[in-house]
PDB file of all heavy atoms in Angstrom:
ATOM      1  N   ALA A   1       4.112  15.728  -8.502  1.00  0.00           N
ATOM      2  CA  ALA A   1       4.813  15.734  -7.226  1.00  0.00           C
ATOM      3  C   ALA A   1       5.807  14.592  -7.211  1.00  0.00           C
ATOM      4  O   ALA A   1       5.792  13.710  -8.076  1.00  0.00           O
ATOM      5  CB  ALA A   1       3.843  15.592  -6.049  1.00  0.00           C
ATOM      6  N   LEU A   2       6.643  14.617  -6.219  1.00  0.00           N
ATOM      7  CA  LEU A   2       7.498  13.494  -5.920  1.00  0.00           C
ATOM      8  C   LEU A   2       6.731  12.586  -4.964  1.00  0.00           C
ATOM      9  O   LEU A   2       6.316  13.020  -3.886  1.00  0.00           O
ATOM     10  CB  LEU A   2       8.811  13.971  -5.291  1.00  0.00           C
ATOM     11  CG  LEU A   2       9.949  12.972  -5.184  1.00  0.00           C
ATOM     12  CD1 LEU A   2      10.404  12.523  -6.569  1.00  0.00           C
ATOM     13  CD2 LEU A   2      11.114  13.589  -4.413  1.00  0.00           C
ATOM     14  N   TYR A   3       6.537  11.362  -5.364  1.00  0.00           N
ATOM     15  CA  TYR A   3       5.759  10.414  -4.578  1.00  0.00           C
ATOM     16  C   TYR A   3       6.688   9.496  -3.806  1.00  0.00           C
ATOM     17  O   TYR A   3       7.569   8.855  -4.380  1.00  0.00           O
ATOM     18  CB  TYR A   3       4.841   9.599  -5.488  1.00  0.00           C
ATOM     19  CG  TYR A   3       3.625  10.370  -5.932  1.00  0.00           C
ATOM     20  CD1 TYR A   3       3.733  11.401  -6.855  1.00  0.00           C
ATOM     21  CD2 TYR A   3       2.363  10.080  -5.415  1.00  0.00           C
ATOM     22  CE1 TYR A   3       2.625  12.132  -7.253  1.00  0.00           C
ATOM     23  CE2 TYR A   3       1.251  10.796  -5.813  1.00  0.00           C
ATOM     24  CZ  TYR A   3       1.387  11.821  -6.729  1.00  0.00           C
ATOM     25  OH  TYR A   3       0.279  12.534  -7.125  1.00  0.00           O
ATOM     26  N   TYR A   4       6.462   9.442  -2.509  1.00  0.00           N
ATOM     27  CA  TYR A   4       7.309   8.687  -1.604  1.00  0.00           C
ATOM     28  C   TYR A   4       6.579   7.494  -1.029  1.00  0.00           C
ATOM     29  O   TYR A   4       5.400   7.577  -0.679  1.00  0.00           O
ATOM     30  CB  TYR A   4       7.769   9.558  -0.428  1.00  0.00           C
ATOM     31  CG  TYR A   4       8.672  10.698  -0.783  1.00  0.00           C
ATOM     32  CD1 TYR A   4       8.153  11.953  -1.053  1.00  0.00           C
ATOM     33  CD2 TYR A   4      10.050  10.526  -0.815  1.00  0.00           C
ATOM     34  CE1 TYR A   4       8.982  13.021  -1.362  1.00  0.00           C
ATOM     35  CE2 TYR A   4      10.880  11.586  -1.118  1.00  0.00           C
ATOM     36  CZ  TYR A   4      10.344  12.829  -1.390  1.00  0.00           C
ATOM     37  OH  TYR A   4      11.175  13.885  -1.681  1.00  0.00           O
ATOM     38  N   CYS A   5       7.299   6.428  -0.898  1.00  0.00           N
ATOM     39  CA  CYS A   5       6.861   5.281  -0.133  1.00  0.00           C
ATOM     40  C   CYS A   5       7.438   5.398   1.277  1.00  0.00           C
ATOM     41  O   CYS A   5       8.584   5.824   1.456  1.00  0.00           O
ATOM     42  CB  CYS A   5       7.340   3.998  -0.807  1.00  0.00           C
ATOM     43  SG  CYS A   5       6.949   2.475   0.060  1.00  0.00           S
ATOM     44  N   ALA A   6       6.651   5.048   2.269  1.00  0.00           N
ATOM     45  CA  ALA A   6       7.095   5.148   3.647  1.00  0.00           C
ATOM     46  C   ALA A   6       6.587   3.960   4.449  1.00  0.00           C
ATOM     47  O   ALA A   6       5.589   3.328   4.090  1.00  0.00           O
ATOM     48  CB  ALA A   6       6.604   6.454   4.280  1.00  0.00           C
ATOM     49  N   ALA A   7       7.272   3.677   5.528  1.00  0.00           N
ATOM     50  CA  ALA A   7       6.900   2.558   6.379  1.00  0.00           C
ATOM     51  C   ALA A   7       7.102   2.920   7.838  1.00  0.00           C
ATOM     52  O   ALA A   7       8.009   3.685   8.189  1.00  0.00           O
ATOM     53  CB  ALA A   7       7.722   1.311   6.034  1.00  0.00           C
ATOM     54  N   LYS A   8       6.247   2.368   8.664  1.00  0.00           N
ATOM     55  CA  LYS A   8       6.397   2.520  10.097  1.00  0.00           C
ATOM     56  C   LYS A   8       5.955   1.254  10.787  1.00  0.00           C
ATOM     57  O   LYS A   8       5.101   0.525  10.286  1.00  0.00           O
ATOM     58  CB  LYS A   8       5.597   3.720  10.628  1.00  0.00           C
ATOM     59  CG  LYS A   8       4.082   3.554  10.586  1.00  0.00           C
ATOM     60  CD  LYS A   8       3.389   4.794  11.130  1.00  0.00           C
ATOM     61  CE  LYS A   8       1.870   4.647  11.152  1.00  0.00           C
ATOM     62  NZ  LYS A   8       1.435   3.704  12.237  1.00  0.00           N
ATOM     63  N   SER A   9       6.539   0.991  11.919  1.00  0.00           N
ATOM     64  CA  SER A   9       6.159  -0.147  12.736  1.00  0.00           C
ATOM     65  C   SER A   9       5.476   0.255  14.027  1.00  0.00           C
ATOM     66  O   SER A   9       4.870  -0.585  14.684  1.00  0.00           O
ATOM     67  CB  SER A   9       7.384  -1.012  13.062  1.00  0.00           C
ATOM     68  OG  SER A   9       8.357  -0.269  13.767  1.00  0.00           O
ATOM     69  N   SER A  10       5.556   1.493  14.388  1.00  0.00           N
ATOM     70  CA  SER A  10       4.958   1.973  15.625  1.00  0.00           C
ATOM     71  C   SER A  10       3.487   2.277  15.430  1.00  0.00           C
ATOM     72  O   SER A  10       3.043   2.612  14.329  1.00  0.00           O
ATOM     73  CB  SER A  10       5.687   3.216  16.125  1.00  0.00           C
ATOM     74  OG  SER A  10       5.703   4.231  15.131  1.00  0.00           O
ATOM     75  N   ASN A  11       2.753   2.181  16.515  1.00  0.00           N
ATOM     76  CA  ASN A  11       1.319   2.391  16.477  1.00  0.00           C
ATOM     77  C   ASN A  11       1.018   3.866  16.727  1.00  0.00           C
ATOM     78  O   ASN A  11       0.571   4.259  17.803  1.00  0.00           O
ATOM     79  CB  ASN A  11       0.627   1.503  17.505  1.00  0.00           C
ATOM     80  CG  ASN A  11      -0.875   1.556  17.381  1.00  0.00           C
ATOM     81  OD1 ASN A  11      -1.428   1.902  16.333  1.00  0.00           O
ATOM     82  ND2 ASN A  11      -1.567   1.198  18.455  1.00  0.00           N
ATOM     83  N   VAL A  12       1.270   4.658  15.715  1.00  0.00           N
ATOM     84  CA  VAL A  12       1.005   6.079  15.776  1.00  0.00           C
ATOM     85  C   VAL A  12       0.185   6.463  14.562  1.00  0.00           C
ATOM     86  O   VAL A  12      -0.004   5.671  13.641  1.00  0.00           O
ATOM     87  CB  VAL A  12       2.298   6.909  15.850  1.00  0.00           C
ATOM     88  CG1 VAL A  12       3.002   6.685  17.182  1.00  0.00           C
ATOM     89  CG2 VAL A  12       3.226   6.551  14.688  1.00  0.00           C
ATOM     90  N   ALA A  13      -0.291   7.689  14.556  1.00  0.00           N
ATOM     91  CA  ALA A  13      -1.189   8.147  13.505  1.00  0.00           C
ATOM     92  C   ALA A  13      -0.565   7.982  12.129  1.00  0.00           C
ATOM     93  O   ALA A  13       0.618   8.257  11.921  1.00  0.00           O
ATOM     94  CB  ALA A  13      -1.583   9.602  13.738  1.00  0.00           C
ATOM     95  N   ILE A  14      -1.375   7.563  11.183  1.00  0.00           N
ATOM     96  CA  ILE A  14      -0.875   7.256   9.850  1.00  0.00           C
ATOM     97  C   ILE A  14      -0.758   8.473   8.958  1.00  0.00           C
ATOM     98  O   ILE A  14      -0.122   8.398   7.908  1.00  0.00           O
ATOM     99  CB  ILE A  14      -1.768   6.212   9.155  1.00  0.00           C
ATOM    100  CG1 ILE A  14      -3.178   6.773   8.923  1.00  0.00           C
ATOM    101  CG2 ILE A  14      -1.817   4.932   9.970  1.00  0.00           C
ATOM    102  CD1 ILE A  14      -4.072   5.869   8.096  1.00  0.00           C
ATOM    103  N   TYR A  15      -1.353   9.577   9.351  1.00  0.00           N
ATOM    104  CA  TYR A  15      -1.465  10.711   8.456  1.00  0.00           C
ATOM    105  C   TYR A  15      -0.285  11.667   8.502  1.00  0.00           C
ATOM    106  O   TYR A  15      -0.136  12.493   7.594  1.00  0.00           O
ATOM    107  CB  TYR A  15      -2.755  11.485   8.740  1.00  0.00           C
ATOM    108  CG  TYR A  15      -3.980  10.620   8.688  1.00  0.00           C
ATOM    109  CD1 TYR A  15      -4.640  10.234   9.854  1.00  0.00           C
ATOM    110  CD2 TYR A  15      -4.479  10.163   7.468  1.00  0.00           C
ATOM    111  CE1 TYR A  15      -5.764   9.422   9.804  1.00  0.00           C
ATOM    112  CE2 TYR A  15      -5.599   9.361   7.415  1.00  0.00           C
ATOM    113  CZ  TYR A  15      -6.239   8.989   8.584  1.00  0.00           C
ATOM    114  OH  TYR A  15      -7.355   8.189   8.521  1.00  0.00           O
ATOM    115  N   ALA A  16       0.519  11.580   9.524  1.00  0.00           N
ATOM    116  CA  ALA A  16       1.623  12.509   9.705  1.00  0.00           C
ATOM    117  C   ALA A  16       2.914  11.904   9.186  1.00  0.00           C
ATOM    118  O   ALA A  16       3.313  10.814   9.591  1.00  0.00           O
ATOM    119  CB  ALA A  16       1.780  12.882  11.181  1.00  0.00           C
ATOM    120  N   SER A  17       3.557  12.613   8.300  1.00  0.00           N
ATOM    121  CA  SER A  17       4.787  12.105   7.719  1.00  0.00           C
ATOM    122  C   SER A  17       5.876  11.879   8.758  1.00  0.00           C
ATOM    123  O   SER A  17       6.707  10.981   8.612  1.00  0.00           O
ATOM    124  CB  SER A  17       5.287  13.049   6.623  1.00  0.00           C
ATOM    125  OG  SER A  17       5.581  14.333   7.154  1.00  0.00           O
ATOM    126  N   GLY A  18       5.865  12.686   9.809  1.00  0.00           N
ATOM    127  CA  GLY A  18       6.868  12.553  10.845  1.00  0.00           C
ATOM    128  C   GLY A  18       6.782  11.270  11.637  1.00  0.00           C
ATOM    129  O   GLY A  18       7.722  10.939  12.372  1.00  0.00           O
ATOM    130  N   ASN A  19       5.702  10.544  11.499  1.00  0.00           N
ATOM    131  CA  ASN A  19       5.540   9.289  12.218  1.00  0.00           C
ATOM    132  C   ASN A  19       6.151   8.096  11.493  1.00  0.00           C
ATOM    133  O   ASN A  19       6.129   6.990  12.021  1.00  0.00           O
ATOM    134  CB  ASN A  19       4.060   9.017  12.476  1.00  0.00           C
ATOM    135  CG  ASN A  19       3.481   9.956  13.509  1.00  0.00           C
ATOM    136  OD1 ASN A  19       4.203  10.536  14.320  1.00  0.00           O
ATOM    137  ND2 ASN A  19       2.166  10.122  13.486  1.00  0.00           N
ATOM    138  N   TYR A  20       6.677   8.319  10.321  1.00  0.00           N
ATOM    139  CA  TYR A  20       7.262   7.247   9.530  1.00  0.00           C
ATOM    140  C   TYR A  20       8.781   7.309   9.605  1.00  0.00           C
ATOM    141  O   TYR A  20       9.384   8.347   9.318  1.00  0.00           O
ATOM    142  CB  TYR A  20       6.797   7.326   8.078  1.00  0.00           C
ATOM    143  CG  TYR A  20       5.342   6.982   7.915  1.00  0.00           C
ATOM    144  CD1 TYR A  20       4.354   7.915   8.204  1.00  0.00           C
ATOM    145  CD2 TYR A  20       4.958   5.721   7.482  1.00  0.00           C
ATOM    146  CE1 TYR A  20       3.015   7.591   8.078  1.00  0.00           C
ATOM    147  CE2 TYR A  20       3.620   5.391   7.344  1.00  0.00           C
ATOM    148  CZ  TYR A  20       2.653   6.333   7.642  1.00  0.00           C
ATOM    149  OH  TYR A  20       1.323   6.004   7.506  1.00  0.00           O
ATOM    150  N   ALA A  21       9.367   6.202   9.954  1.00  0.00           N
ATOM    151  CA  ALA A  21      10.810   6.155  10.138  1.00  0.00           C
ATOM    152  C   ALA A  21      11.566   5.831   8.859  1.00  0.00           C
ATOM    153  O   ALA A  21      12.749   6.175   8.736  1.00  0.00           O
ATOM    154  CB  ALA A  21      11.168   5.121  11.211  1.00  0.00           C
ATOM    155  N   TYR A  22      10.905   5.181   7.928  1.00  0.00           N
ATOM    156  CA  TYR A  22      11.583   4.699   6.736  1.00  0.00           C
ATOM    157  C   TYR A  22      10.958   5.300   5.494  1.00  0.00           C
ATOM    158  O   TYR A  22       9.734   5.302   5.331  1.00  0.00           O
ATOM    159  CB  TYR A  22      11.522   3.169   6.669  1.00  0.00           C
ATOM    160  CG  TYR A  22      12.034   2.515   7.927  1.00  0.00           C
ATOM    161  CD1 TYR A  22      11.153   1.940   8.838  1.00  0.00           C
ATOM    162  CD2 TYR A  22      13.392   2.481   8.212  1.00  0.00           C
ATOM    163  CE1 TYR A  22      11.610   1.352  10.000  1.00  0.00           C
ATOM    164  CE2 TYR A  22      13.855   1.897   9.372  1.00  0.00           C
ATOM    165  CZ  TYR A  22      12.964   1.333  10.262  1.00  0.00           C
ATOM    166  OH  TYR A  22      13.422   0.747  11.418  1.00  0.00           O
ATOM    167  N   TRP A  23      11.806   5.782   4.629  1.00  0.00           N
ATOM    168  CA  TRP A  23      11.377   6.465   3.414  1.00  0.00           C
ATOM    169  C   TRP A  23      12.217   6.050   2.225  1.00  0.00           C
ATOM    170  O   TRP A  23      13.418   5.805   2.352  1.00  0.00           O
ATOM    171  CB  TRP A  23      11.501   7.982   3.578  1.00  0.00           C
ATOM    172  CG  TRP A  23      10.561   8.562   4.575  1.00  0.00           C
ATOM    173  CD1 TRP A  23      10.740   8.657   5.918  1.00  0.00           C
ATOM    174  CD2 TRP A  23       9.279   9.131   4.300  1.00  0.00           C
ATOM    175  NE1 TRP A  23       9.659   9.255   6.504  1.00  0.00           N
ATOM    176  CE2 TRP A  23       8.750   9.555   5.547  1.00  0.00           C
ATOM    177  CE3 TRP A  23       8.539   9.331   3.140  1.00  0.00           C
ATOM    178  CZ2 TRP A  23       7.496  10.160   5.641  1.00  0.00           C
ATOM    179  CZ3 TRP A  23       7.295   9.928   3.232  1.00  0.00           C
ATOM    180  CH2 TRP A  23       6.792  10.340   4.476  1.00  0.00           C
ATOM    181  N   GLY A  24      11.563   5.983   1.089  1.00  0.00           N
ATOM    182  CA  GLY A  24      12.300   5.866  -0.146  1.00  0.00           C
ATOM    183  C   GLY A  24      12.738   7.230  -0.629  1.00  0.00           C
ATOM    184  O   GLY A  24      12.483   8.262   0.000  1.00  0.00           O
ATOM    185  N   GLN A  25      13.411   7.238  -1.747  1.00  0.00           N
ATOM    186  CA  GLN A  25      13.895   8.484  -2.317  1.00  0.00           C
ATOM    187  C   GLN A  25      12.862   9.182  -3.188  1.00  0.00           C
ATOM    188  O   GLN A  25      13.062  10.330  -3.581  1.00  0.00           O
ATOM    189  CB  GLN A  25      15.166   8.235  -3.130  1.00  0.00           C
ATOM    190  CG  GLN A  25      16.362   7.841  -2.289  1.00  0.00           C
ATOM    191  CD  GLN A  25      16.734   8.916  -1.292  1.00  0.00           C
ATOM    192  OE1 GLN A  25      16.630   8.721  -0.090  1.00  0.00           O
ATOM    193  NE2 GLN A  25      17.163  10.069  -1.775  1.00  0.00           N
ATOM    194  N   GLY A  26      11.778   8.520  -3.461  1.00  0.00           N
ATOM    195  CA  GLY A  26      10.710   9.115  -4.230  1.00  0.00           C
ATOM    196  C   GLY A  26      10.789   8.788  -5.706  1.00  0.00           C
ATOM    197  O   GLY A  26      11.860   8.500  -6.244  1.00  0.00           O
ATOM    198  N   THR A  27       9.650   8.834  -6.335  1.00  0.00           N
ATOM    199  CA  THR A  27       9.563   8.695  -7.778  1.00  0.00           C
ATOM    200  C   THR A  27       8.724   9.846  -8.307  1.00  0.00           C
ATOM    201  O   THR A  27       7.663  10.160  -7.771  1.00  0.00           O
ATOM    202  CB  THR A  27       8.982   7.322  -8.183  1.00  0.00           C
ATOM    203  OG1 THR A  27       9.012   7.181  -9.605  1.00  0.00           O
ATOM    204  CG2 THR A  27       7.557   7.136  -7.676  1.00  0.00           C
ATOM    205  N   GLN A  28       9.216  10.484  -9.319  1.00  0.00           N
ATOM    206  CA  GLN A  28       8.589  11.700  -9.818  1.00  0.00           C
ATOM    207  C   GLN A  28       7.422  11.383 -10.729  1.00  0.00           C
ATOM    208  O   GLN A  28       7.541  10.580 -11.658  1.00  0.00           O
ATOM    209  CB  GLN A  28       9.613  12.559 -10.569  1.00  0.00           C
ATOM    210  CG  GLN A  28       9.049  13.852 -11.142  1.00  0.00           C
ATOM    211  CD  GLN A  28       8.663  14.844 -10.068  1.00  0.00           C
ATOM    212  OE1 GLN A  28       9.367  14.990  -9.068  1.00  0.00           O
ATOM    213  NE2 GLN A  28       7.541  15.524 -10.265  1.00  0.00           N
ATOM    214  N   VAL A  29       6.314  12.031 -10.452  1.00  0.00           N
ATOM    215  CA  VAL A  29       5.142  11.981 -11.315  1.00  0.00           C
ATOM    216  C   VAL A  29       4.910  13.378 -11.856  1.00  0.00           C
ATOM    217  O   VAL A  29       4.738  14.325 -11.088  1.00  0.00           O
ATOM    218  CB  VAL A  29       3.896  11.479 -10.566  1.00  0.00           C
ATOM    219  CG1 VAL A  29       2.652  11.607 -11.451  1.00  0.00           C
ATOM    220  CG2 VAL A  29       4.080  10.043 -10.121  1.00  0.00           C
ATOM    221  N   THR A  30       4.927  13.495 -13.148  1.00  0.00           N
ATOM    222  CA  THR A  30       4.701  14.768 -13.796  1.00  0.00           C
ATOM    223  C   THR A  30       3.539  14.630 -14.763  1.00  0.00           C
ATOM    224  O   THR A  30       3.561  13.774 -15.650  1.00  0.00           O
ATOM    225  CB  THR A  30       5.955  15.241 -14.548  1.00  0.00           C
ATOM    226  OG1 THR A  30       7.055  15.345 -13.637  1.00  0.00           O
ATOM    227  CG2 THR A  30       5.713  16.595 -15.197  1.00  0.00           C
TER     228      THR A  30
END
């Protein structure tokens, strides 16, 4: 998969990708 790093500062659920405002471009793991 493409593995993404993400960050959030708001106190919302950690499991939903939509709760993260900042994302990297991903690094591919094959």
